[in-house]
Amino acid sequence: MYPILSNTIQQLRWEQTNTDDRKSALQPLIDFIQQKIDSKQEINLTFICTHNSRRSHLSQVWAQVAASHFGIQRVFCYSGGTEETALFPKVAETLSNQGFNIFKINEGKNPLYAIKYCNNSLPIIGFSKKYDNPFNPVSDFAAIMTCSQADGGCPFITGAEKRIPITFEDPKISDNTSDQTKVYEERSLQIAIEMFYVFSKITN
């Protein structure tokens, strides 16, 4: 992994930081991944929030990196929303500051980003889309609901094998304030800690 990203990961304290309530919320995801490992199946995870612009992308990226860090194979992470908007630029900026190499593949109202965590890895593709976009898996995946609005407003996710609510506070609350950079960094690291906790519990 890139040096700055490795340094960011080294500062995560996933065992000490998570509370019992959060560990309980994360356990169904651990169980889903472990069951797939035990049955030698691919692990498809789709992280969903309303606009697929902030939390779902952060979760997708950090889950993929955590899987790589712990050597968990055949993990494929996706994201989607209940509607299509755009990946919020502050998310890309935050991940870049934390050590990812990010570049735009195209411009427009809904830009396409390539997000790399090491030179020889396939890039994580970031763009806003509905959760049922053809880019995402259509069956045999876990739908991880990262915001309460999507969880409440989307009672049924077509094709999902498992639905798991793991919600995070929206960093959007800090937009246009002096705290924006700090809030986005904190939310990104919170999600990173929780995804690393999940994959630290998986045994091959």
Protein backbone atom coordinates (compact mmCIF):
# COMPACT_ATOMS: atom_id res chain seq x y z
CA MET A 1 0.00 0.00 0.00
CA TYR A 2 1.04 3.59 -0.46
CA PRO A 3 3.19 4.93 2.42
CA ILE A 4 0.76 7.62 3.61
CA LEU A 5 -2.12 5.14 3.53
CA SER A 6 -0.03 2.57 5.45
CA ASN A 7 0.65 5.24 8.06
CA THR A 8 -3.08 6.03 8.30
CA ILE A 9 -3.86 2.34 8.80
CA GLN A 10 -1.17 1.97 11.46
CA GLN A 11 -2.91 4.66 13.50
CA LEU A 12 -6.27 2.87 13.48
CA ARG A 13 -7.19 1.15 16.75
CA TRP A 14 -10.07 -1.04 15.71
CA GLU A 15 -10.12 -3.31 18.76
CA GLN A 16 -9.92 -0.56 21.37
CA THR A 17 -12.12 2.03 19.67
CA ASN A 18 -15.35 0.20 18.96
CA THR A 19 -18.03 0.15 21.66
CA ASP A 20 -20.09 -2.91 22.51
CA ASP A 21 -23.08 -1.38 20.69
CA ARG A 22 -21.09 -0.91 17.51
CA LYS A 23 -19.57 -4.36 17.76
CA SER A 24 -23.09 -5.79 17.97
CA ALA A 25 -24.09 -3.81 14.87
CA LEU A 26 -21.05 -5.12 12.98
CA GLN A 27 -21.47 -8.77 13.97
CA PRO A 28 -24.03 -9.66 11.24
CA LEU A 29 -21.56 -8.46 8.61
CA ILE A 30 -18.79 -10.53 10.19
CA ASP A 31 -21.08 -13.56 10.18
CA PHE A 32 -22.04 -13.03 6.52
CA ILE A 33 -18.42 -12.77 5.39
CA GLN A 34 -17.31 -15.74 7.46
CA GLN A 35 -20.14 -17.90 6.12
CA LYS A 36 -19.07 -17.06 2.57
CA ILE A 37 -15.44 -17.87 3.40
CA ASP A 38 -16.41 -21.19 4.97
CA SER A 39 -18.49 -22.17 1.94
CA LYS A 40 -15.75 -21.00 -0.46
CA GLN A 41 -17.96 -18.42 -2.14
CA GLU A 42 -17.30 -14.93 -3.41
CA ILE A 43 -18.11 -12.12 -0.98
CA ASN A 44 -20.16 -9.34 -2.56
CA LEU A 45 -20.87 -6.31 -0.38
CA THR A 46 -22.99 -3.38 -1.53
CA PHE A 47 -22.96 -0.32 0.74
CA ILE A 48 -26.10 1.78 0.37
CA CYS A 49 -27.05 5.32 1.41
CA THR A 50 -29.59 7.75 0.02
CA HIS A 51 -27.48 9.66 -2.50
CA ASN A 52 -24.46 7.36 -2.89
CA SER A 53 -22.28 10.41 -2.41
CA ARG A 54 -20.50 10.15 0.95
CA ARG A 55 -20.91 7.35 3.52
CA SER A 56 -21.52 4.51 1.09
CA HIS A 57 -18.39 5.38 -0.90
CA LEU A 58 -16.25 5.68 2.22
CA SER A 59 -17.55 2.30 3.38
CA GLN A 60 -16.97 0.66 0.00
CA VAL A 61 -13.38 1.91 -0.18
CA TRP A 62 -12.37 1.08 3.38
CA ALA A 63 -13.98 -2.36 3.28
CA GLN A 64 -12.02 -3.24 0.13
CA VAL A 65 -8.79 -2.01 1.70
CA ALA A 66 -9.46 -3.88 4.96
CA ALA A 67 -10.04 -7.11 3.05
CA SER A 68 -6.74 -6.64 1.24
CA HIS A 69 -4.91 -5.74 4.46
CA PHE A 70 -6.00 -8.97 6.15
CA GLY A 71 -5.50 -11.12 3.05
CA ILE A 72 -9.18 -12.00 2.64
CA GLN A 73 -9.61 -13.10 -0.95
CA ARG A 74 -12.56 -12.83 -3.34
CA VAL A 75 -14.08 -9.77 -1.67
CA PHE A 76 -15.82 -7.36 -4.03
CA CYS A 77 -17.18 -4.11 -2.62
CA TYR A 78 -19.74 -1.87 -4.29
CA SER A 79 -21.91 1.09 -3.39
CA GLY A 80 -25.24 2.54 -4.43
CA GLY A 81 -28.05 4.83 -3.41
CA THR A 82 -31.78 5.10 -3.52
CA GLU A 83 -31.09 7.82 -6.09
CA GLU A 84 -28.16 8.89 -8.26
CA THR A 85 -26.30 12.15 -7.57
CA ALA A 86 -22.47 12.38 -7.59
CA LEU A 87 -19.56 11.39 -5.42
CA PHE A 88 -19.10 14.47 -3.24
CA PRO A 89 -15.67 16.04 -4.01
CA LYS A 90 -14.78 16.36 -0.32
CA VAL A 91 -14.91 12.56 -0.03
CA ALA A 92 -12.29 12.19 -2.77
CA GLU A 93 -10.20 14.93 -1.17
CA THR A 94 -10.41 13.27 2.25
CA LEU A 95 -9.38 9.85 0.94
CA SER A 96 -6.54 11.45 -1.01
CA ASN A 97 -5.27 13.16 2.14
CA GLN A 98 -5.40 9.81 3.95
CA GLY A 99 -3.14 8.19 1.36
CA PHE A 100 -5.18 6.99 -1.61
CA ASN A 101 -4.23 7.79 -5.20
CA ILE A 102 -7.37 9.19 -6.83
CA PHE A 103 -7.91 10.44 -10.35
CA LYS A 104 -10.94 11.26 -12.44
CA ILE A 105 -11.62 9.04 -15.42
CA ASN A 106 -14.19 11.49 -16.74
CA GLU A 107 -15.86 14.75 -15.79
CA GLY A 108 -19.49 15.81 -15.88
CA LYS A 109 -22.28 16.01 -13.33
CA ASN A 110 -21.48 12.51 -12.05
CA PRO A 111 -17.71 12.06 -12.47
CA LEU A 112 -16.09 8.63 -12.55
CA TYR A 113 -13.17 8.18 -10.15
CA ALA A 114 -10.43 5.55 -9.99
CA ILE A 115 -9.35 5.04 -6.37
CA LYS A 116 -6.11 3.10 -5.83
CA TYR A 117 -4.59 1.91 -2.57
CA CYS A 118 -1.42 0.38 -4.05
CA ASN A 119 0.32 0.48 -7.40
CA ASN A 120 -0.55 -3.06 -8.46
CA SER A 121 -4.14 -3.24 -7.22
CA LEU A 122 -7.20 -2.89 -9.37
CA PRO A 123 -8.69 0.55 -8.76
CA ILE A 124 -11.91 0.92 -6.85
CA ILE A 125 -14.35 2.63 -9.18
CA GLY A 126 -16.27 5.46 -7.55
CA PHE A 127 -19.34 7.12 -9.01
CA SER A 128 -22.89 7.71 -7.85
CA LYS A 129 -25.52 5.19 -8.93
CA LYS A 130 -28.70 3.56 -7.75
CA TYR A 131 -28.12 0.36 -5.83
CA ASP A 132 -29.68 -1.68 -8.66
CA ASN A 133 -27.40 -0.19 -11.32
CA PRO A 134 -26.00 -2.91 -13.64
CA PHE A 135 -22.50 -2.08 -12.36
CA ASN A 136 -23.48 -3.69 -9.03
CA PRO A 137 -24.24 -7.36 -8.31
CA VAL A 138 -27.83 -8.44 -8.86
CA SER A 139 -27.90 -11.37 -6.42
CA ASP A 140 -25.97 -13.12 -3.66
CA PHE A 141 -24.80 -9.92 -1.98
CA ALA A 142 -25.13 -8.30 1.41
CA ALA A 143 -26.83 -4.89 1.37
CA ILE A 144 -25.22 -2.79 4.08
CA MET A 145 -27.39 0.23 4.86
CA THR A 146 -25.08 3.08 5.89
CA CYS A 147 -27.76 5.68 6.59
CA SER A 148 -31.04 5.52 8.45
CA GLN A 149 -32.92 7.27 5.62
CA ALA A 150 -32.01 4.56 3.12
CA ASP A 151 -32.63 1.86 5.70
CA GLY A 152 -36.10 3.17 6.46
CA GLY A 153 -37.00 4.22 2.94
CA CYS A 154 -35.85 1.04 1.22
CA PRO A 155 -37.53 -1.85 3.02
CA PHE A 156 -36.67 -4.33 0.26
CA ILE A 157 -33.43 -4.58 -1.72
CA THR A 158 -33.96 -6.75 -4.77
CA GLY A 159 -31.46 -9.59 -4.98
CA ALA A 160 -29.91 -9.06 -1.56
CA GLU A 161 -29.13 -12.23 0.33
CA LYS A 162 -28.75 -10.31 3.58
CA ARG A 163 -29.69 -6.81 4.68
CA ILE A 164 -27.48 -5.30 7.40
CA PRO A 165 -27.97 -1.83 8.92
CA ILE A 166 -24.65 -0.20 9.89
CA THR A 167 -25.44 3.49 9.96
CA PHE A 168 -23.11 6.47 10.28
CA GLU A 169 -23.77 10.15 10.90
CA ASP A 170 -23.71 12.10 7.65
CA PRO A 171 -20.61 14.33 7.36
CA LYS A 172 -22.77 16.58 5.18
CA ILE A 173 -23.80 18.34 8.40
CA SER A 174 -20.42 20.10 8.30
CA ASP A 175 -20.66 21.36 4.71
CA ASN A 176 -20.00 25.10 4.36
CA THR A 177 -18.56 25.30 7.88
CA SER A 178 -15.04 25.68 9.20
CA ASP A 179 -15.24 22.14 10.61
CA GLN A 180 -15.83 20.43 7.27
CA THR A 181 -12.34 18.98 6.78
CA LYS A 182 -12.19 17.72 10.35
CA VAL A 183 -15.65 16.12 10.23
CA TYR A 184 -14.99 14.33 6.93
CA GLU A 185 -11.65 13.04 8.17
CA GLU A 186 -13.22 11.80 11.40
CA ARG A 187 -16.09 10.06 9.59
CA SER A 188 -13.71 8.42 7.15
CA LEU A 189 -11.53 7.14 10.00
CA GLN A 190 -14.55 5.91 11.95
CA ILE A 191 -15.67 3.89 8.96
CA ALA A 192 -12.12 2.64 8.40
CA ILE A 193 -11.88 1.47 12.02
CA GLU A 194 -15.15 -0.41 11.80
CA MET A 195 -14.35 -2.08 8.47
CA PHE A 196 -10.93 -3.12 9.79
CA TYR A 197 -12.58 -4.49 12.91
CA VAL A 198 -14.92 -6.58 10.75
CA PHE A 199 -12.18 -8.11 8.63
CA SER A 200 -9.88 -8.64 11.62
CA LYS A 201 -12.45 -11.15 12.89
CA ILE A 202 -12.45 -13.26 9.71
CA THR A 203 -10.54 -16.54 9.61
CA ASN A 204 -9.56 -18.16 6.33
